[in-house]
Protein backbone atom coordinates (compact mmCIF):
# COMPACT_ATOMS: atom_id res chain seq x y z
CA UNK A 1 -33.61 -28.00 68.97
CA UNK A 2 -35.47 -24.71 69.07
CA UNK A 3 -35.27 -21.74 66.72
CA UNK A 4 -36.58 -18.36 67.89
CA UNK A 5 -36.90 -15.74 65.15
CA UNK A 6 -37.46 -12.23 66.47
CA UNK A 7 -37.67 -8.98 64.47
CA UNK A 8 -33.97 -8.20 64.95
CA UNK A 9 -32.28 -11.53 65.75
CA UNK A 10 -32.33 -15.31 65.52
CA UNK A 11 -31.68 -17.52 68.55
CA UNK A 12 -30.82 -21.19 68.14
CA UNK A 13 -31.05 -23.46 71.19
CA UNK A 14 -29.69 -26.98 71.14
CA UNK A 15 -26.54 -29.03 71.11
CA UNK A 16 -23.59 -27.72 69.10
CA UNK A 17 -23.95 -30.36 66.38
CA UNK A 18 -27.68 -29.60 66.03
CA UNK A 19 -27.01 -25.88 65.64
CA UNK A 20 -24.27 -26.48 63.04
CA UNK A 21 -26.59 -28.81 61.10
CA UNK A 22 -29.47 -26.31 61.19
CA UNK A 23 -27.20 -23.43 60.10
CA UNK A 24 -25.99 -25.51 57.13
CA UNK A 25 -29.60 -26.16 56.14
CA UNK A 26 -30.54 -22.48 56.38
CA UNK A 27 -27.38 -21.36 54.54
CA UNK A 28 -28.55 -23.28 51.47
CA UNK A 29 -31.81 -21.31 51.44
CA UNK A 30 -30.77 -17.86 52.72
CA UNK A 31 -27.58 -15.91 52.00
CA UNK A 32 -27.84 -13.55 54.99
CA UNK A 33 -29.49 -13.58 58.38
CA UNK A 34 -31.48 -10.50 57.34
CA UNK A 35 -33.02 -12.49 54.45
CA UNK A 36 -33.88 -15.27 56.89
CA UNK A 37 -35.61 -12.90 59.32
CA UNK A 38 -37.47 -11.06 56.54
CA UNK A 39 -38.70 -14.28 54.96
CA UNK A 40 -40.01 -15.54 58.29
CA UNK A 41 -41.74 -12.25 59.11
CA UNK A 42 -44.09 -12.94 56.22
CA UNK A 43 -44.86 -16.44 57.58
CA UNK A 44 -45.54 -15.17 61.11
């Protein structure tokens, strides 16, 4: 499973069940994709 976070999008690569699992994990931490991208900009 790979997660690519770019300035204007998020790309998830993996099997369907892996992507669903990862999205459930991220949905507990971030409400929107924009929040997710912004939070990871700081880390990069």
